[in-house]
C-alpha atoms as a PDB file:
ATOM      1  CA  LEU A   1     139.625 103.380 -86.082  1.00  0.00           C
ATOM      2  CA  ILE A   2     142.143 105.280 -83.953  1.00  0.00           C
ATOM      3  CA  LEU A   3     143.494 103.771 -80.733  1.00  0.00           C
ATOM      4  CA  THR A   4     145.236 105.827 -78.068  1.00  0.00           C
ATOM      5  CA  PHE A   5     147.492 104.417 -75.399  1.00  0.00           C
ATOM      6  CA  THR A   6     148.547 106.208 -72.214  1.00  0.00           C
ATOM      7  CA  PRO A   7     151.548 104.627 -70.446  1.00  0.00           C
ATOM      8  CA  THR A   8     150.995 104.129 -66.736  1.00  0.00           C
ATOM      9  CA  MET A   9     154.020 102.031 -65.756  1.00  0.00           C
ATOM     10  CA  ASN A  10     156.266 104.940 -64.795  1.00  0.00           C
ATOM     11  CA  THR A  11     153.536 106.656 -62.798  1.00  0.00           C
ATOM     12  CA  GLN A  12     152.834 103.486 -60.872  1.00  0.00           C
ATOM     13  CA  ALA A  13     156.540 102.843 -60.281  1.00  0.00           C
ATOM     14  CA  LYS A  14     157.009 106.392 -59.005  1.00  0.00           C
ATOM     15  CA  ALA A  15     154.074 106.007 -56.638  1.00  0.00           C
ATOM     16  CA  LYS A  16     155.528 102.825 -55.168  1.00  0.00           C
ATOM     17  CA  ILE A  17     158.972 104.249 -54.398  1.00  0.00           C
ATOM     18  CA  LYS A  18     158.970 106.067 -51.086  1.00  0.00           C
ATOM     19  CA  LEU A  19     161.000 106.573 -47.904  1.00  0.00           C
ATOM     20  CA  ASN A  20     160.108 105.142 -44.531  1.00  0.00           C
ATOM     21  CA  LYS A  21     160.222 108.746 -43.237  1.00  0.00           C
ATOM     22  CA  THR A  22     159.586 112.073 -44.996  1.00  0.00           C
ATOM     23  CA  LYS A  23     160.768 114.225 -42.074  1.00  0.00           C
ATOM     24  CA  ILE A  24     162.658 113.511 -38.870  1.00  0.00           C
ATOM     25  CA  SER A  25     164.147 115.488 -36.004  1.00  0.00           C
ATOM     26  CA  LEU A  26     167.551 114.472 -34.627  1.00  0.00           C
ATOM     27  CA  GLN A  27     169.724 115.688 -31.797  1.00  0.00           C
ATOM     28  CA  ARG A  28     173.240 116.725 -32.741  1.00  0.00           C
ATOM     29  CA  GLY A  29     175.508 113.687 -32.986  1.00  0.00           C
ATOM     30  CA  LYS A  30     172.638 111.194 -33.329  1.00  0.00           C
ATOM     31  CA  THR A  31     172.019 108.944 -36.337  1.00  0.00           C
ATOM     32  CA  TYR A  32     169.042 107.471 -38.194  1.00  0.00           C
ATOM     33  CA  THR A  33     168.919 105.057 -41.122  1.00  0.00           C
ATOM     34  CA  LEU A  34     166.472 105.880 -43.911  1.00  0.00           C
ATOM     35  CA  LYS A  35     165.081 103.098 -46.086  1.00  0.00           C
ATOM     36  CA  VAL A  36     163.574 103.195 -49.573  1.00  0.00           C
ATOM     37  CA  LYS A  37     160.467 101.108 -50.108  1.00  0.00           C
ATOM     38  CA  GLY A  38     159.216  99.821 -53.446  1.00  0.00           C
ATOM     39  CA  THR A  39     162.487  98.991 -55.213  1.00  0.00           C
ATOM     40  CA  LYS A  40     165.405  96.584 -54.967  1.00  0.00           C
ATOM     41  CA  LYS A  41     167.583  98.610 -57.318  1.00  0.00           C
ATOM     42  CA  LYS A  42     170.635 100.572 -56.213  1.00  0.00           C
ATOM     43  CA  VAL A  43     169.787 103.829 -54.461  1.00  0.00           C
ATOM     44  CA  LYS A  44     172.001 106.929 -54.513  1.00  0.00           C
ATOM     45  CA  TRP A  45     171.908 109.090 -51.392  1.00  0.00           C
ATOM     46  CA  SER A  46     172.807 112.776 -51.082  1.00  0.00           C
ATOM     47  CA  SER A  47     172.471 115.713 -48.674  1.00  0.00           C
ATOM     48  CA  ASN A  48     171.943 119.313 -49.735  1.00  0.00           C
ATOM     49  CA  LYS A  49     173.695 120.574 -46.562  1.00  0.00           C
ATOM     50  CA  LYS A  50     176.464 118.262 -45.410  1.00  0.00           C
ATOM     51  CA  THR A  51     177.472 120.625 -42.604  1.00  0.00           C
ATOM     52  CA  ILE A  52     174.066 120.002 -40.993  1.00  0.00           C
ATOM     53  CA  ALA A  53     173.406 116.347 -41.880  1.00  0.00           C
ATOM     54  CA  THR A  54     175.415 113.743 -43.792  1.00  0.00           C
ATOM     55  CA  VAL A  55     174.244 110.470 -45.303  1.00  0.00           C
ATOM     56  CA  THR A  56     176.106 107.268 -46.213  1.00  0.00           C
ATOM     57  CA  ARG A  57     175.624 105.021 -49.241  1.00  0.00           C
ATOM     58  CA  LYS A  58     173.340 102.877 -47.086  1.00  0.00           C
ATOM     59  CA  GLY A  59     171.089 105.754 -46.019  1.00  0.00           C
ATOM     60  CA  LYS A  60     172.520 106.316 -42.544  1.00  0.00           C
ATOM     61  CA  VAL A  61     172.002 109.961 -41.591  1.00  0.00           C
ATOM     62  CA  THR A  62     174.245 111.684 -39.021  1.00  0.00           C
ATOM     63  CA  ALA A  63     173.190 114.990 -37.449  1.00  0.00           C
ATOM     64  CA  GLN A  64     176.145 117.404 -37.519  1.00  0.00           C
ATOM     65  CA  LYS A  65     174.912 120.755 -36.210  1.00  0.00           C
ATOM     66  CA  PRO A  66     171.616 122.607 -35.659  1.00  0.00           C
ATOM     67  CA  GLY A  67     169.698 123.503 -38.810  1.00  0.00           C
ATOM     68  CA  THR A  68     167.641 121.944 -41.600  1.00  0.00           C
ATOM     69  CA  ALA A  69     168.828 119.711 -44.432  1.00  0.00           C
ATOM     70  CA  VAL A  70     167.171 117.629 -47.150  1.00  0.00           C
ATOM     71  CA  ILE A  71     168.283 114.052 -47.801  1.00  0.00           C
ATOM     72  CA  THR A  72     167.548 112.792 -51.310  1.00  0.00           C
ATOM     73  CA  ALA A  73     167.325 109.163 -52.389  1.00  0.00           C
ATOM     74  CA  SER A  74     167.625 108.708 -56.168  1.00  0.00           C
ATOM     75  CA  CYS A  75     166.705 105.547 -58.045  1.00  0.00           C
ATOM     76  CA  GLY A  76     166.892 105.912 -61.817  1.00  0.00           C
ATOM     77  CA  GLU A  77     164.743 108.895 -62.802  1.00  0.00           C
ATOM     78  CA  TYR A  78     162.867 108.930 -59.507  1.00  0.00           C
ATOM     79  CA  LYS A  79     163.722 110.855 -56.363  1.00  0.00           C
ATOM     80  CA  VAL A  80     162.288 110.913 -52.859  1.00  0.00           C
ATOM     81  CA  THR A  81     163.295 113.264 -50.074  1.00  0.00           C
ATOM     82  CA  CYS A  82     163.348 113.511 -46.303  1.00  0.00           C
ATOM     83  CA  LYS A  83     163.590 116.770 -44.338  1.00  0.00           C
ATOM     84  CA  ILE A  84     166.085 116.547 -41.463  1.00  0.00           C
ATOM     85  CA  THR A  85     165.860 118.988 -38.543  1.00  0.00           C
ATOM     86  CA  VAL A  86     168.907 118.957 -36.261  1.00  0.00           C
ATOM     87  CA  LYS A  87     168.705 120.342 -32.730  1.00  0.00           C
ATOM     88  CA  ASN A  88     171.078 120.567 -29.813  1.00  0.00           C
ATOM     89  CA  PRO A  89     170.303 118.023 -27.080  1.00  0.00           C
ATOM     90  CA  SER A  90     168.227 119.379 -24.224  1.00  0.00           C
ATOM     91  CA  LEU A  91     169.820 119.727 -20.809  1.00  0.00           C
ATOM     92  CA  LYS A  92     168.169 117.706 -18.085  1.00  0.00           C
ATOM     93  CA  LEU A  93     169.428 118.563 -14.631  1.00  0.00           C
ATOM     94  CA  THR A  94     168.306 117.371 -11.214  1.00  0.00           C
ATOM     95  CA  LYS A  95     167.875 121.028 -10.234  1.00  0.00           C
ATOM     96  CA  SER A  96     166.629 123.915 -12.346  1.00  0.00           C
ATOM     97  CA  SER A  97     169.826 125.826 -11.584  1.00  0.00           C
ATOM     98  CA  ALA A  98     172.825 126.150  -9.324  1.00  0.00           C
ATOM     99  CA  THR A  99     172.500 128.329  -6.224  1.00  0.00           C
ATOM    100  CA  VAL A 100     175.117 131.021  -5.733  1.00  0.00           C
ATOM    101  CA  LYS A 101     176.419 132.064  -2.306  1.00  0.00           C
ATOM    102  CA  VAL A 102     178.542 135.063  -1.423  1.00  0.00           C
ATOM    103  CA  GLY A 103     181.765 134.460   0.502  1.00  0.00           C
ATOM    104  CA  LYS A 104     184.621 136.725   1.576  1.00  0.00           C
ATOM    105  CA  THR A 105     184.474 140.243   0.154  1.00  0.00           C
ATOM    106  CA  THR A 106     187.164 142.967  -0.025  1.00  0.00           C
ATOM    107  CA  LYS A 107     187.121 146.413  -1.620  1.00  0.00           C
ATOM    108  CA  ASN A 108     187.843 145.034  -5.110  1.00  0.00           C
ATOM    109  CA  LYS A 109     187.193 141.281  -4.877  1.00  0.00           C
ATOM    110  CA  ALA A 110     184.386 138.931  -3.900  1.00  0.00           C
ATOM    111  CA  LYS A 111     184.254 135.164  -3.630  1.00  0.00           C
ATOM    112  CA  VAL A 112     181.177 133.256  -4.760  1.00  0.00           C
ATOM    113  CA  THR A 113     180.487 129.563  -4.225  1.00  0.00           C
ATOM    114  CA  TRP A 114     177.893 127.043  -5.342  1.00  0.00           C
ATOM    115  CA  LYS A 115     177.020 123.381  -5.052  1.00  0.00           C
ATOM    116  CA  LYS A 116     177.791 121.008  -7.883  1.00  0.00           C
ATOM    117  CA  VAL A 117     174.872 120.335 -10.231  1.00  0.00           C
ATOM    118  CA  LYS A 118     174.482 116.740 -11.430  1.00  0.00           C
ATOM    119  CA  LYS A 119     175.262 116.233 -15.158  1.00  0.00           C
ATOM    120  CA  ALA A 120     176.570 119.786 -15.570  1.00  0.00           C
ATOM    121  CA  THR A 121     180.007 120.114 -17.190  1.00  0.00           C
ATOM    122  CA  GLY A 122     180.574 123.735 -16.230  1.00  0.00           C
ATOM    123  CA  TYR A 123     179.037 126.985 -15.018  1.00  0.00           C
ATOM    124  CA  GLU A 124     178.544 130.616 -16.010  1.00  0.00           C
ATOM    125  CA  ILE A 125     178.590 133.411 -13.439  1.00  0.00           C
ATOM    126  CA  GLN A 126     177.362 136.888 -14.261  1.00  0.00           C
ATOM    127  CA  TYR A 127     177.701 140.043 -12.185  1.00  0.00           C
ATOM    128  CA  THR A 128     176.680 143.647 -12.762  1.00  0.00           C
ATOM    129  CA  THR A 129     176.141 146.962 -11.016  1.00  0.00           C
ATOM    130  CA  LYS A 130     173.029 147.508 -13.142  1.00  0.00           C
ATOM    131  CA  GLY A 131     170.468 145.141 -14.644  1.00  0.00           C
ATOM    132  CA  PHE A 132     171.549 141.948 -16.418  1.00  0.00           C
ATOM    133  CA  GLY A 133     169.896 143.314 -19.546  1.00  0.00           C
ATOM    134  CA  ASN A 134     172.702 145.886 -19.733  1.00  0.00           C
ATOM    135  CA  LYS A 135     175.357 143.970 -21.697  1.00  0.00           C
ATOM    136  CA  LYS A 136     178.074 146.598 -21.282  1.00  0.00           C
ATOM    137  CA  ALA A 137     177.761 146.613 -17.503  1.00  0.00           C
ATOM    138  CA  THR A 138     177.497 142.807 -17.190  1.00  0.00           C
ATOM    139  CA  LYS A 139     180.583 140.631 -16.807  1.00  0.00           C
ATOM    140  CA  THR A 140     180.595 136.861 -17.376  1.00  0.00           C
ATOM    141  CA  ILE A 141     182.915 134.239 -15.887  1.00  0.00           C
ATOM    142  CA  LYS A 142     182.943 130.848 -17.591  1.00  0.00           C
ATOM    143  CA  VAL A 143     183.945 127.796 -15.565  1.00  0.00           C
ATOM    144  CA  SER A 144     184.741 124.841 -17.820  1.00  0.00           C
ATOM    145  CA  LYS A 145     185.248 122.195 -15.124  1.00  0.00           C
ATOM    146  CA  ALA A 146     182.317 120.691 -13.242  1.00  0.00           C
ATOM    147  CA  LYS A 147     184.392 119.973 -10.111  1.00  0.00           C
ATOM    148  CA  ILE A 148     185.103 123.694  -9.562  1.00  0.00           C
ATOM    149  CA  THR A 149     182.517 125.195  -7.201  1.00  0.00           C
ATOM    150  CA  SER A 150     183.887 128.679  -6.471  1.00  0.00           C
ATOM    151  CA  ALA A 151     185.121 131.751  -8.323  1.00  0.00           C
ATOM    152  CA  GLN A 152     186.609 135.166  -7.617  1.00  0.00           C
ATOM    153  CA  LEU A 153     184.967 138.310  -8.909  1.00  0.00           C
ATOM    154  CA  LYS A 154     187.896 140.629  -9.560  1.00  0.00           C
ATOM    155  CA  LYS A 155     188.515 144.303 -10.398  1.00  0.00           C
ATOM    156  CA  LEU A 156     185.388 145.398  -8.558  1.00  0.00           C
ATOM    157  CA  LYS A 157     184.724 148.976  -7.543  1.00  0.00           C
ATOM    158  CA  LYS A 158     184.876 149.732  -3.825  1.00  0.00           C
ATOM    159  CA  LYS A 159     181.728 150.708  -1.920  1.00  0.00           C
ATOM    160  CA  THR A 160     179.619 149.240  -4.718  1.00  0.00           C
ATOM    161  CA  ILE A 161     176.710 146.798  -4.767  1.00  0.00           C
ATOM    162  CA  TYR A 162     176.878 144.057  -7.407  1.00  0.00           C
ATOM    163  CA  LYS A 163     174.158 141.658  -8.518  1.00  0.00           C
ATOM    164  CA  VAL A 164     175.358 138.074  -9.030  1.00  0.00           C
ATOM    165  CA  ARG A 165     173.760 135.010 -10.632  1.00  0.00           C
ATOM    166  CA  ILE A 166     174.858 131.594 -11.922  1.00  0.00           C
ATOM    167  CA  ARG A 167     173.670 128.856 -14.255  1.00  0.00           C
ATOM    168  CA  ALA A 168     174.830 125.336 -15.065  1.00  0.00           C
ATOM    169  CA  VAL A 169     176.151 124.480 -18.535  1.00  0.00           C
ATOM    170  CA  TYR A 170     176.106 121.162 -20.382  1.00  0.00           C
ATOM    171  CA  THR A 171     178.811 120.930 -23.022  1.00  0.00           C
ATOM    172  CA  LYS A 172     179.451 118.027 -25.380  1.00  0.00           C
ATOM    173  CA  ALA A 173     182.329 117.562 -27.834  1.00  0.00           C
ATOM    174  CA  GLY A 174     183.585 121.083 -27.268  1.00  0.00           C
ATOM    175  CA  TYR A 175     180.445 123.054 -28.101  1.00  0.00           C
ATOM    176  CA  GLN A 176     177.815 124.489 -25.778  1.00  0.00           C
ATOM    177  CA  THR A 177     174.565 122.631 -26.200  1.00  0.00           C
ATOM    178  CA  ALA A 178     172.342 123.831 -23.381  1.00  0.00           C
ATOM    179  CA  THR A 179     172.158 125.708 -20.098  1.00  0.00           C
ATOM    180  CA  SER A 180     169.945 125.624 -17.052  1.00  0.00           C
ATOM    181  CA  LYS A 181     167.892 128.581 -15.849  1.00  0.00           C
ATOM    182  CA  TRP A 182     169.673 131.444 -14.144  1.00  0.00           C
ATOM    183  CA  SER A 183     169.708 131.242 -10.380  1.00  0.00           C
ATOM    184  CA  ALA A 184     168.040 133.735  -8.079  1.00  0.00           C
ATOM    185  CA  THR A 185     170.065 136.938  -7.913  1.00  0.00           C
ATOM    186  CA  LYS A 186     172.283 137.592  -4.887  1.00  0.00           C
ATOM    187  CA  THR A 187     173.935 140.880  -3.992  1.00  0.00           C
ATOM    188  CA  VAL A 188     177.580 141.562  -3.166  1.00  0.00           C
ATOM    189  CA  LYS A 189     178.679 144.769  -1.480  1.00  0.00           C
ATOM    190  CA  THR A 190     182.353 145.600  -1.703  1.00  0.00           C
ATOM    191  CA  LYS A 191     184.131 147.192   1.249  1.00  0.00           C
ATOM    192  CA  TYR A 192     185.436 150.718   1.666  1.00  0.00           C
END
């Protein structure tokens, strides 16, 4: 008589150990605490891309920058993972964009103004003699202070028509996270 025995303990133990989440999406700078279910033993946490997401010894994940990382929880010979997707926070403004207005114009300068957009931390102004799709012909002015509501377009060509547009920028912790839509295009004609 021959008896065979197939161990099932490890398979059952592996099936019981799992994370409360297998994939999550976080905004940059946000945190989430992962938890292992099915064991009371010590769990070792690790991240395959610490520049994108880090994890503490207690499973607290911090989103660092946009991208994808995998957090692994190890308990003995068993491992469970969670896919972390990090995104920049979306910009929610009271208006879809700032509205640009043309002020005083000379033969090589033009003043543009706009109204402050709630929650914006800065603005970007673009101007060109051609289409905005032409990168070489398009100039960009970056305004890093929300309280500033005017800018000078300098070194313009005389007797020339320029297209101008503006958009609001939301910046957090020194990096650009989101922008509003570009405003309607206005034209500036320099003097003779």
